[in-house]
Amino acid sequence: MSQELNDLAEAIIAYQKKYDKTDGEMAFGSRISVEKFHGIKTGELQPTTEEQSSLKGLIASKPH
């Protein structure tokens, strides 16, 4: 896994812990399937550029 993807996975996990968000909530918020989200988070799948942008946008915002 590249450092950028590793950093994204760590940012996702930190956001989930901080705001008590499940994988399902994160997937819904980023418009990515739960299975794909989980694969990205664990490093098993590489996100597309669009998915990376969506995830980065989600973790840059505070939940509603």
C-alpha atoms as a PDB file:
ATOM      1  CA  MET A   1       0.000   0.000   0.000  1.00  0.00           C
ATOM      2  CA  SER A   2       1.366   3.421  -0.898  1.00  0.00           C
ATOM      3  CA  GLN A   3       2.011   5.978   1.823  1.00  0.00           C
ATOM      4  CA  GLU A   4      -0.805   8.207   0.509  1.00  0.00           C
ATOM      5  CA  LEU A   5      -3.328   5.367   0.771  1.00  0.00           C
ATOM      6  CA  ASN A   6      -1.965   4.386   4.176  1.00  0.00           C
ATOM      7  CA  ASP A   7      -2.415   8.007   5.309  1.00  0.00           C
ATOM      8  CA  LEU A   8      -5.982   7.983   3.963  1.00  0.00           C
ATOM      9  CA  ALA A   9      -6.792   4.775   5.845  1.00  0.00           C
ATOM     10  CA  GLU A  10      -5.349   6.224   9.056  1.00  0.00           C
ATOM     11  CA  ALA A  11      -7.334   9.444   8.574  1.00  0.00           C
ATOM     12  CA  ILE A  12     -10.520   7.433   8.040  1.00  0.00           C
ATOM     13  CA  ILE A  13      -9.958   5.424  11.212  1.00  0.00           C
ATOM     14  CA  ALA A  14      -9.142   8.550  13.248  1.00  0.00           C
ATOM     15  CA  TYR A  15     -12.316  10.266  11.969  1.00  0.00           C
ATOM     16  CA  GLN A  16     -14.426   7.220  12.802  1.00  0.00           C
ATOM     17  CA  LYS A  17     -13.054   7.075  16.329  1.00  0.00           C
ATOM     18  CA  LYS A  18     -13.434  10.818  16.908  1.00  0.00           C
ATOM     19  CA  TYR A  19     -17.022  10.998  15.686  1.00  0.00           C
ATOM     20  CA  ASP A  20     -18.110   7.417  16.512  1.00  0.00           C
ATOM     21  CA  LYS A  21     -18.993   6.578  12.897  1.00  0.00           C
ATOM     22  CA  THR A  22     -19.537   3.070  11.559  1.00  0.00           C
ATOM     23  CA  ASP A  23     -18.267   1.791   8.220  1.00  0.00           C
ATOM     24  CA  GLY A  24     -21.868   1.939   6.974  1.00  0.00           C
ATOM     25  CA  GLU A  25     -22.249   5.583   7.915  1.00  0.00           C
ATOM     26  CA  MET A  26     -18.924   6.437   6.326  1.00  0.00           C
ATOM     27  CA  ALA A  27     -19.774   4.542   3.149  1.00  0.00           C
ATOM     28  CA  PHE A  28     -23.145   6.271   2.896  1.00  0.00           C
ATOM     29  CA  GLY A  29     -21.578   9.682   3.506  1.00  0.00           C
ATOM     30  CA  SER A  30     -18.943   9.148   0.843  1.00  0.00           C
ATOM     31  CA  ARG A  31     -21.321   7.412  -1.601  1.00  0.00           C
ATOM     32  CA  ILE A  32     -19.184   4.280  -1.725  1.00  0.00           C
ATOM     33  CA  SER A  33     -20.489   0.759  -1.102  1.00  0.00           C
ATOM     34  CA  VAL A  34     -19.777  -0.616   2.362  1.00  0.00           C
ATOM     35  CA  GLU A  35     -17.757  -3.461   0.876  1.00  0.00           C
ATOM     36  CA  LYS A  36     -15.618  -1.075  -1.187  1.00  0.00           C
ATOM     37  CA  PHE A  37     -15.205   1.304   1.764  1.00  0.00           C
ATOM     38  CA  HIS A  38     -14.052  -1.521   4.012  1.00  0.00           C
ATOM     39  CA  GLY A  39     -11.596  -2.732   1.367  1.00  0.00           C
ATOM     40  CA  ILE A  40     -10.159   0.772   1.001  1.00  0.00           C
ATOM     41  CA  LYS A  41      -9.881   1.181   4.763  1.00  0.00           C
ATOM     42  CA  THR A  42      -8.068  -2.130   5.168  1.00  0.00           C
ATOM     43  CA  GLY A  43      -5.837  -1.559   2.142  1.00  0.00           C
ATOM     44  CA  GLU A  44      -7.237  -4.495   0.187  1.00  0.00           C
ATOM     45  CA  LEU A  45      -8.689  -2.242  -2.537  1.00  0.00           C
ATOM     46  CA  GLN A  46      -7.307   0.874  -4.171  1.00  0.00           C
ATOM     47  CA  PRO A  47      -9.810   3.735  -4.435  1.00  0.00           C
ATOM     48  CA  THR A  48     -10.372   5.616  -7.656  1.00  0.00           C
ATOM     49  CA  THR A  49      -9.405   9.286  -7.757  1.00  0.00           C
ATOM     50  CA  GLU A  50     -13.085  10.172  -7.314  1.00  0.00           C
ATOM     51  CA  GLU A  51     -13.428   7.857  -4.296  1.00  0.00           C
ATOM     52  CA  GLN A  52     -10.287   9.327  -2.728  1.00  0.00           C
ATOM     53  CA  SER A  53     -11.665  12.840  -3.183  1.00  0.00           C
ATOM     54  CA  SER A  54     -15.014  11.843  -1.718  1.00  0.00           C
ATOM     55  CA  LEU A  55     -13.408  10.232   1.321  1.00  0.00           C
ATOM     56  CA  LYS A  56     -11.016  13.135   1.880  1.00  0.00           C
ATOM     57  CA  GLY A  57     -13.931  15.577   1.657  1.00  0.00           C
ATOM     58  CA  LEU A  58     -15.919  13.561   4.166  1.00  0.00           C
ATOM     59  CA  ILE A  59     -13.132  13.340   6.723  1.00  0.00           C
ATOM     60  CA  ALA A  60     -12.353  17.050   6.302  1.00  0.00           C
ATOM     61  CA  SER A  61     -15.876  17.939   7.445  1.00  0.00           C
ATOM     62  CA  LYS A  62     -17.597  17.637  10.793  1.00  0.00           C
ATOM     63  CA  PRO A  63     -20.596  15.294  10.880  1.00  0.00           C
ATOM     64  CA  HIS A  64     -24.086  16.737  11.017  1.00  0.00           C
END
